[in-house]
């Protein structure tokens, strides 16, 4: 299971993995059931971790370096992708 931490970003303090990579939530997921499969999971690989907010978290394949946030507040695969604050809530700022 992956470890989570927080880091400062241009969106404020956000959740990151233990290596400092940005994680995102998919806003059509309202419970722990993932809805990102197949081509979606290629672009948005899942982070295997349990979060306090109870929803799955994902990496964006284009974020190659620690601190990268290249897909904040975009709509793909039927929903929005957002960085997450320290309480597990999406940050909607673009």
PDB file of N, CA and C in Angstrom:
ATOM      1  N   UNK A   1       0.836  -1.181   0.000  1.00  0.00           N
ATOM      2  CA  UNK A   1       0.000   0.000   0.000  1.00  0.00           C
ATOM      3  C   UNK A   1       0.886   1.251   0.000  1.00  0.00           C
ATOM      4  N   UNK A   2       0.541   2.197  -0.838  1.00  0.00           N
ATOM      5  CA  UNK A   2       1.316   3.436  -0.961  1.00  0.00           C
ATOM      6  C   UNK A   2       1.094   4.331   0.256  1.00  0.00           C
ATOM      7  N   UNK A   3       2.108   5.094   0.585  1.00  0.00           N
ATOM      8  CA  UNK A   3       2.014   6.079   1.657  1.00  0.00           C
ATOM      9  C   UNK A   3       1.608   7.425   1.067  1.00  0.00           C
ATOM     10  N   UNK A   4       0.848   8.200   1.809  1.00  0.00           N
ATOM     11  CA  UNK A   4       0.465   9.539   1.379  1.00  0.00           C
ATOM     12  C   UNK A   4       1.117  10.573   2.280  1.00  0.00           C
ATOM     13  N   UNK A   5       1.359  11.734   1.694  1.00  0.00           N
ATOM     14  CA  UNK A   5       1.934  12.859   2.413  1.00  0.00           C
ATOM     15  C   UNK A   5       1.269  14.116   1.856  1.00  0.00           C
ATOM     16  N   UNK A   6       1.693  15.280   2.319  1.00  0.00           N
ATOM     17  CA  UNK A   6       1.227  16.536   1.739  1.00  0.00           C
ATOM     18  C   UNK A   6       2.432  17.339   1.288  1.00  0.00           C
ATOM     19  N   UNK A   7       2.188  18.231   0.344  1.00  0.00           N
ATOM     20  CA  UNK A   7       3.250  19.101  -0.168  1.00  0.00           C
ATOM     21  C   UNK A   7       2.634  20.429  -0.579  1.00  0.00           C
ATOM     22  N   UNK A   8       3.426  21.469  -0.528  1.00  0.00           N
ATOM     23  CA  UNK A   8       2.982  22.777  -1.004  1.00  0.00           C
ATOM     24  C   UNK A   8       2.973  22.766  -2.527  1.00  0.00           C
ATOM     25  N   UNK A   9       1.978  23.438  -3.113  1.00  0.00           N
ATOM     26  CA  UNK A   9       1.875  23.562  -4.566  1.00  0.00           C
ATOM     27  C   UNK A   9       1.254  24.920  -4.879  1.00  0.00           C
ATOM     28  N   UNK A  10       1.116  25.223  -6.144  1.00  0.00           N
ATOM     29  CA  UNK A  10       0.474  26.481  -6.535  1.00  0.00           C
ATOM     30  C   UNK A  10      -1.017  26.474  -6.184  1.00  0.00           C
ATOM     31  N   UNK A  11      -1.565  25.316  -5.805  1.00  0.00           N
ATOM     32  CA  UNK A  11      -2.964  25.190  -5.387  1.00  0.00           C
ATOM     33  C   UNK A  11      -3.103  25.111  -3.870  1.00  0.00           C
ATOM     34  N   UNK A  12      -2.027  25.343  -3.162  1.00  0.00           N
ATOM     35  CA  UNK A  12      -2.019  25.188  -1.713  1.00  0.00           C
ATOM     36  C   UNK A  12      -1.434  23.841  -1.338  1.00  0.00           C
ATOM     37  N   UNK A  13      -1.723  23.384  -0.126  1.00  0.00           N
ATOM     38  CA  UNK A  13      -1.201  22.105   0.349  1.00  0.00           C
ATOM     39  C   UNK A  13      -2.050  20.995  -0.255  1.00  0.00           C
ATOM     40  N   UNK A  14      -1.404  20.047  -0.924  1.00  0.00           N
ATOM     41  CA  UNK A  14      -2.109  18.957  -1.606  1.00  0.00           C
ATOM     42  C   UNK A  14      -1.566  17.600  -1.171  1.00  0.00           C
ATOM     43  N   UNK A  15      -2.353  16.568  -1.431  1.00  0.00           N
ATOM     44  CA  UNK A  15      -1.896  15.200  -1.196  1.00  0.00           C
ATOM     45  C   UNK A  15      -0.931  14.776  -2.295  1.00  0.00           C
ATOM     46  N   UNK A  16       0.097  14.071  -1.891  1.00  0.00           N
ATOM     47  CA  UNK A  16       1.078  13.482  -2.803  1.00  0.00           C
ATOM     48  C   UNK A  16       1.387  12.083  -2.284  1.00  0.00           C
ATOM     49  N   UNK A  17       2.049  11.285  -3.118  1.00  0.00           N
ATOM     50  CA  UNK A  17       2.466   9.981  -2.614  1.00  0.00           C
ATOM     51  C   UNK A  17       3.742  10.148  -1.795  1.00  0.00           C
ATOM     52  N   UNK A  18       4.252   9.069  -1.253  1.00  0.00           N
ATOM     53  CA  UNK A  18       5.433   9.115  -0.407  1.00  0.00           C
ATOM     54  C   UNK A  18       6.674   9.630  -1.105  1.00  0.00           C
ATOM     55  N   UNK A  19       6.680   9.611  -2.447  1.00  0.00           N
ATOM     56  CA  UNK A  19       7.804  10.135  -3.229  1.00  0.00           C
ATOM     57  C   UNK A  19       7.612  11.589  -3.632  1.00  0.00           C
ATOM     58  N   UNK A  20       6.451  12.162  -3.315  1.00  0.00           N
ATOM     59  CA  UNK A  20       6.178  13.553  -3.660  1.00  0.00           C
ATOM     60  C   UNK A  20       5.433  13.740  -4.972  1.00  0.00           C
ATOM     61  N   UNK A  21       5.003  12.641  -5.599  1.00  0.00           N
ATOM     62  CA  UNK A  21       4.245  12.751  -6.852  1.00  0.00           C
ATOM     63  C   UNK A  21       2.795  13.133  -6.577  1.00  0.00           C
ATOM     64  N   UNK A  22       2.274  14.029  -7.395  1.00  0.00           N
ATOM     65  CA  UNK A  22       0.902  14.506  -7.270  1.00  0.00           C
ATOM     66  C   UNK A  22      -0.101  13.385  -7.506  1.00  0.00           C
ATOM     67  N   UNK A  23      -1.167  13.379  -6.716  1.00  0.00           N
ATOM     68  CA  UNK A  23      -2.276  12.453  -6.932  1.00  0.00           C
ATOM     69  C   UNK A  23      -3.550  13.266  -7.172  1.00  0.00           C
ATOM     70  N   UNK A  24      -4.474  12.660  -7.887  1.00  0.00           N
ATOM     71  CA  UNK A  24      -5.715  13.312  -8.290  1.00  0.00           C
ATOM     72  C   UNK A  24      -6.904  12.447  -7.918  1.00  0.00           C
ATOM     73  N   UNK A  25      -8.076  13.081  -7.818  1.00  0.00           N
ATOM     74  CA  UNK A  25      -9.313  12.317  -7.714  1.00  0.00           C
ATOM     75  C   UNK A  25     -10.113  12.527  -8.992  1.00  0.00           C
ATOM     76  N   UNK A  26     -10.979  11.564  -9.276  1.00  0.00           N
ATOM     77  CA  UNK A  26     -11.868  11.569 -10.438  1.00  0.00           C
ATOM     78  C   UNK A  26     -13.249  11.880  -9.892  1.00  0.00           C
ATOM     79  N   UNK A  27     -13.805  13.050 -10.227  1.00  0.00           N
ATOM     80  CA  UNK A  27     -14.983  13.525  -9.503  1.00  0.00           C
ATOM     81  C   UNK A  27     -16.284  12.773  -9.777  1.00  0.00           C
ATOM     82  N   UNK A  28     -16.308  11.852 -10.728  1.00  0.00           N
ATOM     83  CA  UNK A  28     -17.528  11.057 -10.888  1.00  0.00           C
ATOM     84  C   UNK A  28     -17.569   9.881  -9.909  1.00  0.00           C
ATOM     85  N   UNK A  29     -16.481   9.650  -9.220  1.00  0.00           N
ATOM     86  CA  UNK A  29     -16.432   8.591  -8.211  1.00  0.00           C
ATOM     87  C   UNK A  29     -16.870   9.171  -6.869  1.00  0.00           C
ATOM     88  N   UNK A  30     -18.017   8.747  -6.408  1.00  0.00           N
ATOM     89  CA  UNK A  30     -18.576   9.276  -5.163  1.00  0.00           C
ATOM     90  C   UNK A  30     -18.392   8.326  -3.982  1.00  0.00           C
ATOM     91  N   UNK A  31     -17.776   7.170  -4.243  1.00  0.00           N
ATOM     92  CA  UNK A  31     -17.565   6.161  -3.201  1.00  0.00           C
ATOM     93  C   UNK A  31     -16.276   5.411  -3.537  1.00  0.00           C
ATOM     94  N   UNK A  32     -15.926   4.390  -2.798  1.00  0.00           N
ATOM     95  CA  UNK A  32     -14.655   3.689  -3.046  1.00  0.00           C
ATOM     96  C   UNK A  32     -14.592   2.875  -4.347  1.00  0.00           C
ATOM     97  N   UNK A  33     -15.684   2.798  -5.096  1.00  0.00           N
ATOM     98  CA  UNK A  33     -15.707   2.000  -6.320  1.00  0.00           C
ATOM     99  C   UNK A  33     -15.039   2.747  -7.472  1.00  0.00           C
ATOM    100  N   UNK A  34     -13.922   2.232  -8.009  1.00  0.00           N
ATOM    101  CA  UNK A  34     -13.250   2.900  -9.128  1.00  0.00           C
ATOM    102  C   UNK A  34     -14.098   2.857 -10.397  1.00  0.00           C
ATOM    103  N   UNK A  35     -14.030   3.919 -11.173  1.00  0.00           N
ATOM    104  CA  UNK A  35     -14.726   3.982 -12.451  1.00  0.00           C
ATOM    105  C   UNK A  35     -13.764   4.322 -13.591  1.00  0.00           C
ATOM    106  N   UNK A  36     -12.500   4.179 -13.334  1.00  0.00           N
ATOM    107  CA  UNK A  36     -11.464   4.451 -14.335  1.00  0.00           C
ATOM    108  C   UNK A  36     -10.798   3.125 -14.706  1.00  0.00           C
ATOM    109  N   UNK A  37     -11.130   2.622 -15.883  1.00  0.00           N
ATOM    110  CA  UNK A  37     -10.606   1.341 -16.367  1.00  0.00           C
ATOM    111  C   UNK A  37     -10.044   1.499 -17.769  1.00  0.00           C
ATOM    112  N   UNK A  38      -9.374   0.463 -18.243  1.00  0.00           N
ATOM    113  CA  UNK A  38      -8.908   0.350 -19.628  1.00  0.00           C
ATOM    114  C   UNK A  38      -8.119   1.590 -20.059  1.00  0.00           C
ATOM    115  N   UNK A  39      -8.556   2.285 -21.099  1.00  0.00           N
ATOM    116  CA  UNK A  39      -7.811   3.448 -21.601  1.00  0.00           C
ATOM    117  C   UNK A  39      -7.685   4.531 -20.531  1.00  0.00           C
ATOM    118  N   UNK A  40      -8.702   4.676 -19.716  1.00  0.00           N
ATOM    119  CA  UNK A  40      -8.650   5.656 -18.627  1.00  0.00           C
ATOM    120  C   UNK A  40      -7.491   5.342 -17.686  1.00  0.00           C
ATOM    121  N   UNK A  41      -7.353   4.080 -17.289  1.00  0.00           N
ATOM    122  CA  UNK A  41      -6.296   3.685 -16.354  1.00  0.00           C
ATOM    123  C   UNK A  41      -4.906   3.745 -16.973  1.00  0.00           C
ATOM    124  N   UNK A  42      -4.814   3.766 -18.303  1.00  0.00           N
ATOM    125  CA  UNK A  42      -3.521   3.962 -18.959  1.00  0.00           C
ATOM    126  C   UNK A  42      -3.075   5.416 -18.767  1.00  0.00           C
ATOM    127  N   UNK A  43      -3.999   6.356 -18.959  1.00  0.00           N
ATOM    128  CA  UNK A  43      -3.688   7.775 -18.772  1.00  0.00           C
ATOM    129  C   UNK A  43      -3.656   8.180 -17.303  1.00  0.00           C
ATOM    130  N   UNK A  44      -4.451   7.510 -16.494  1.00  0.00           N
ATOM    131  CA  UNK A  44      -4.609   7.827 -15.074  1.00  0.00           C
ATOM    132  C   UNK A  44      -4.390   6.569 -14.239  1.00  0.00           C
ATOM    133  N   UNK A  45      -3.144   6.127 -14.084  1.00  0.00           N
ATOM    134  CA  UNK A  45      -2.885   4.913 -13.289  1.00  0.00           C
ATOM    135  C   UNK A  45      -3.341   5.091 -11.841  1.00  0.00           C
ATOM    136  N   UNK A  46      -3.981   4.071 -11.282  1.00  0.00           N
ATOM    137  CA  UNK A  46      -4.456   4.178  -9.904  1.00  0.00           C
ATOM    138  C   UNK A  46      -3.317   4.139  -8.889  1.00  0.00           C
ATOM    139  N   UNK A  47      -3.518   4.850  -7.816  1.00  0.00           N
ATOM    140  CA  UNK A  47      -2.637   4.778  -6.653  1.00  0.00           C
ATOM    141  C   UNK A  47      -3.283   3.799  -5.686  1.00  0.00           C
ATOM    142  N   UNK A  48      -2.555   2.795  -5.304  1.00  0.00           N
ATOM    143  CA  UNK A  48      -3.116   1.804  -4.391  1.00  0.00           C
ATOM    144  C   UNK A  48      -2.907   2.271  -2.957  1.00  0.00           C
ATOM    145  N   UNK A  49      -3.913   2.971  -2.447  1.00  0.00           N
ATOM    146  CA  UNK A  49      -3.872   3.496  -1.081  1.00  0.00           C
ATOM    147  C   UNK A  49      -5.292   3.704  -0.593  1.00  0.00           C
ATOM    148  N   UNK A  50      -5.475   3.644   0.678  1.00  0.00           N
ATOM    149  CA  UNK A  50      -6.766   3.957   1.280  1.00  0.00           C
ATOM    150  C   UNK A  50      -6.688   5.399   1.758  1.00  0.00           C
ATOM    151  N   UNK A  51      -7.721   6.178   1.433  1.00  0.00           N
ATOM    152  CA  UNK A  51      -7.702   7.580   1.856  1.00  0.00           C
ATOM    153  C   UNK A  51      -8.833   7.863   2.824  1.00  0.00           C
ATOM    154  N   UNK A  52      -8.670   8.897   3.596  1.00  0.00           N
ATOM    155  CA  UNK A  52      -9.687   9.294   4.569  1.00  0.00           C
ATOM    156  C   UNK A  52     -10.990   9.682   3.881  1.00  0.00           C
ATOM    157  N   UNK A  53     -10.895  10.203   2.673  1.00  0.00           N
ATOM    158  CA  UNK A  53     -12.098  10.633   1.965  1.00  0.00           C
ATOM    159  C   UNK A  53     -12.850   9.463   1.347  1.00  0.00           C
ATOM    160  N   UNK A  54     -12.233   8.312   1.278  1.00  0.00           N
ATOM    161  CA  UNK A  54     -12.911   7.119   0.803  1.00  0.00           C
ATOM    162  C   UNK A  54     -13.026   6.964  -0.692  1.00  0.00           C
ATOM    163  N   UNK A  55     -12.350   7.781  -1.473  1.00  0.00           N
ATOM    164  CA  UNK A  55     -12.411   7.595  -2.915  1.00  0.00           C
ATOM    165  C   UNK A  55     -11.039   7.242  -3.464  1.00  0.00           C
ATOM    166  N   UNK A  56     -11.015   6.576  -4.628  1.00  0.00           N
ATOM    167  CA  UNK A  56      -9.729   6.214  -5.239  1.00  0.00           C
ATOM    168  C   UNK A  56      -8.937   7.459  -5.644  1.00  0.00           C
ATOM    169  N   UNK A  57      -7.629   7.300  -5.700  1.00  0.00           N
ATOM    170  CA  UNK A  57      -6.738   8.359  -6.167  1.00  0.00           C
ATOM    171  C   UNK A  57      -5.930   7.832  -7.348  1.00  0.00           C
ATOM    172  N   UNK A  58      -5.468   8.770  -8.173  1.00  0.00           N
ATOM    173  CA  UNK A  58      -4.772   8.412  -9.402  1.00  0.00           C
ATOM    174  C   UNK A  58      -3.581   9.326  -9.639  1.00  0.00           C
ATOM    175  N   UNK A  59      -2.637   8.815 -10.415  1.00  0.00           N
ATOM    176  CA  UNK A  59      -1.561   9.624 -10.965  1.00  0.00           C
ATOM    177  C   UNK A  59      -1.976  10.055 -12.367  1.00  0.00           C
ATOM    178  N   UNK A  60      -1.373  11.109 -12.890  1.00  0.00           N
ATOM    179  CA  UNK A  60      -1.525  11.450 -14.301  1.00  0.00           C
ATOM    180  C   UNK A  60      -0.235  11.041 -14.986  1.00  0.00           C
ATOM    181  N   UNK A  61      -0.338  10.294 -16.070  1.00  0.00           N
ATOM    182  CA  UNK A  61       0.833   9.738 -16.742  1.00  0.00           C
ATOM    183  C   UNK A  61       1.786  10.838 -17.238  1.00  0.00           C
ATOM    184  N   UNK A  62       1.271  12.027 -17.516  1.00  0.00           N
ATOM    185  CA  UNK A  62       2.104  13.128 -17.997  1.00  0.00           C
ATOM    186  C   UNK A  62       2.897  13.839 -16.916  1.00  0.00           C
ATOM    187  N   UNK A  63       2.570  13.595 -15.649  1.00  0.00           N
ATOM    188  CA  UNK A  63       3.332  14.158 -14.529  1.00  0.00           C
ATOM    189  C   UNK A  63       4.556  13.282 -14.320  1.00  0.00           C
ATOM    190  N   UNK A  64       5.675  13.676 -14.856  1.00  0.00           N
ATOM    191  CA  UNK A  64       6.857  12.818 -14.835  1.00  0.00           C
ATOM    192  C   UNK A  64       7.814  13.121 -13.674  1.00  0.00           C
ATOM    193  N   UNK A  65       7.695  14.314 -13.102  1.00  0.00           N
ATOM    194  CA  UNK A  65       8.620  14.718 -12.046  1.00  0.00           C
ATOM    195  C   UNK A  65       7.867  15.090 -10.773  1.00  0.00           C
ATOM    196  N   UNK A  66       8.544  14.981  -9.657  1.00  0.00           N
ATOM    197  CA  UNK A  66       7.977  15.413  -8.385  1.00  0.00           C
ATOM    198  C   UNK A  66       7.546  16.872  -8.530  1.00  0.00           C
ATOM    199  N   UNK A  67       6.340  17.165  -8.097  1.00  0.00           N
ATOM    200  CA  UNK A  67       5.827  18.527  -8.169  1.00  0.00           C
ATOM    201  C   UNK A  67       5.063  18.854  -9.434  1.00  0.00           C
ATOM    202  N   UNK A  68       5.135  18.010 -10.466  1.00  0.00           N
ATOM    203  CA  UNK A  68       4.369  18.259 -11.692  1.00  0.00           C
ATOM    204  C   UNK A  68       2.875  18.178 -11.405  1.00  0.00           C
ATOM    205  N   UNK A  69       2.124  19.134 -11.965  1.00  0.00           N
ATOM    206  CA  UNK A  69       0.659  19.130 -11.919  1.00  0.00           C
ATOM    207  C   UNK A  69       0.220  19.596 -13.302  1.00  0.00           C
ATOM    208  N   UNK A  70       0.112  18.666 -14.220  1.00  0.00           N
ATOM    209  CA  UNK A  70      -0.152  19.018 -15.615  1.00  0.00           C
ATOM    210  C   UNK A  70      -1.589  18.779 -16.061  1.00  0.00           C
ATOM    211  N   UNK A  71      -2.430  18.279 -15.190  1.00  0.00           N
ATOM    212  CA  UNK A  71      -3.797  17.976 -15.626  1.00  0.00           C
ATOM    213  C   UNK A  71      -4.831  18.347 -14.572  1.00  0.00           C
ATOM    214  N   UNK A  72      -4.666  19.488 -13.925  1.00  0.00           N
ATOM    215  CA  UNK A  72      -5.601  19.952 -12.908  1.00  0.00           C
ATOM    216  C   UNK A  72      -6.864  20.500 -13.569  1.00  0.00           C
ATOM    217  N   UNK A  73      -8.011  20.085 -13.053  1.00  0.00           N
ATOM    218  CA  UNK A  73      -9.319  20.593 -13.460  1.00  0.00           C
ATOM    219  C   UNK A  73      -9.594  20.379 -14.945  1.00  0.00           C
ATOM    220  N   UNK A  74      -9.197  19.227 -15.462  1.00  0.00           N
ATOM    221  CA  UNK A  74      -9.514  18.867 -16.848  1.00  0.00           C
ATOM    222  C   UNK A  74     -10.645  17.842 -16.838  1.00  0.00           C
ATOM    223  N   UNK A  75     -11.368  17.800 -17.942  1.00  0.00           N
ATOM    224  CA  UNK A  75     -12.436  16.821 -18.107  1.00  0.00           C
ATOM    225  C   UNK A  75     -11.949  15.771 -19.099  1.00  0.00           C
ATOM    226  N   UNK A  76     -11.877  14.537 -18.636  1.00  0.00           N
ATOM    227  CA  UNK A  76     -11.493  13.397 -19.464  1.00  0.00           C
ATOM    228  C   UNK A  76     -12.220  12.164 -18.959  1.00  0.00           C
ATOM    229  N   UNK A  77     -12.583  11.272 -19.876  1.00  0.00           N
ATOM    230  CA  UNK A  77     -13.218   9.999 -19.529  1.00  0.00           C
ATOM    231  C   UNK A  77     -14.502  10.194 -18.731  1.00  0.00           C
ATOM    232  N   UNK A  78     -15.222  11.263 -19.051  1.00  0.00           N
ATOM    233  CA  UNK A  78     -16.543  11.471 -18.463  1.00  0.00           C
ATOM    234  C   UNK A  78     -16.592  12.181 -17.131  1.00  0.00           C
ATOM    235  N   UNK A  79     -15.470  12.696 -16.664  1.00  0.00           N
ATOM    236  CA  UNK A  79     -15.472  13.404 -15.389  1.00  0.00           C
ATOM    237  C   UNK A  79     -14.285  14.332 -15.264  1.00  0.00           C
ATOM    238  N   UNK A  80     -14.230  15.045 -14.139  1.00  0.00           N
ATOM    239  CA  UNK A  80     -13.145  15.980 -13.882  1.00  0.00           C
ATOM    240  C   UNK A  80     -12.069  15.367 -13.008  1.00  0.00           C
ATOM    241  N   UNK A  81     -10.845  15.825 -13.227  1.00  0.00           N
ATOM    242  CA  UNK A  81      -9.672  15.349 -12.480  1.00  0.00           C
ATOM    243  C   UNK A  81      -9.109  16.518 -11.689  1.00  0.00           C
ATOM    244  N   UNK A  82      -8.922  16.321 -10.388  1.00  0.00           N
ATOM    245  CA  UNK A  82      -8.533  17.414  -9.506  1.00  0.00           C
ATOM    246  C   UNK A  82      -7.492  16.971  -8.487  1.00  0.00           C
ATOM    247  N   UNK A  83      -6.580  17.893  -8.156  1.00  0.00           N
ATOM    248  CA  UNK A  83      -5.688  17.641  -7.032  1.00  0.00           C
ATOM    249  C   UNK A  83      -6.533  17.682  -5.760  1.00  0.00           C
ATOM    250  N   UNK A  84      -5.965  17.174  -4.676  1.00  0.00           N
ATOM    251  CA  UNK A  84      -6.725  16.914  -3.456  1.00  0.00           C
ATOM    252  C   UNK A  84      -6.084  17.638  -2.277  1.00  0.00           C
ATOM    253  N   UNK A  85      -6.912  18.283  -1.456  1.00  0.00           N
ATOM    254  CA  UNK A  85      -6.354  18.946  -0.277  1.00  0.00           C
ATOM    255  C   UNK A  85      -6.053  17.919   0.813  1.00  0.00           C
ATOM    256  N   UNK A  86      -5.499  18.368   1.906  1.00  0.00           N
ATOM    257  CA  UNK A  86      -5.048  17.447   2.955  1.00  0.00           C
ATOM    258  C   UNK A  86      -6.190  16.705   3.638  1.00  0.00           C
ATOM    259  N   UNK A  87      -7.429  17.153   3.437  1.00  0.00           N
ATOM    260  CA  UNK A  87      -8.598  16.464   4.005  1.00  0.00           C
ATOM    261  C   UNK A  87      -9.277  15.529   3.007  1.00  0.00           C
ATOM    262  N   UNK A  88      -8.718  15.449   1.801  1.00  0.00           N
ATOM    263  CA  UNK A  88      -9.286  14.565   0.792  1.00  0.00           C
ATOM    264  C   UNK A  88     -10.319  15.212  -0.108  1.00  0.00           C
ATOM    265  N   UNK A  89     -10.431  16.539  -0.059  1.00  0.00           N
ATOM    266  CA  UNK A  89     -11.396  17.256  -0.890  1.00  0.00           C
ATOM    267  C   UNK A  89     -10.732  17.760  -2.166  1.00  0.00           C
ATOM    268  N   UNK A  90     -11.506  17.750  -3.266  1.00  0.00           N
ATOM    269  CA  UNK A  90     -10.944  18.252  -4.515  1.00  0.00           C
ATOM    270  C   UNK A  90     -10.735  19.754  -4.445  1.00  0.00           C
ATOM    271  N   UNK A  91      -9.684  20.202  -5.099  1.00  0.00           N
ATOM    272  CA  UNK A  91      -9.384  21.620  -5.240  1.00  0.00           C
ATOM    273  C   UNK A  91      -9.752  21.976  -6.680  1.00  0.00           C
ATOM    274  N   UNK A  92     -10.685  22.893  -6.863  1.00  0.00           N
ATOM    275  CA  UNK A  92     -11.213  23.181  -8.197  1.00  0.00           C
ATOM    276  C   UNK A  92     -10.490  24.303  -8.927  1.00  0.00           C
ATOM    277  N   UNK A  93      -9.573  24.981  -8.272  1.00  0.00           N
ATOM    278  CA  UNK A  93      -8.831  26.067  -8.899  1.00  0.00           C
ATOM    279  C   UNK A  93      -8.112  25.561 -10.136  1.00  0.00           C
ATOM    280  N   UNK A  94      -8.121  26.342 -11.211  1.00  0.00           N
ATOM    281  CA  UNK A  94      -7.404  25.966 -12.431  1.00  0.00           C
ATOM    282  C   UNK A  94      -6.039  26.511 -12.344  1.00  0.00           C
TER     283      UNK A  94
END
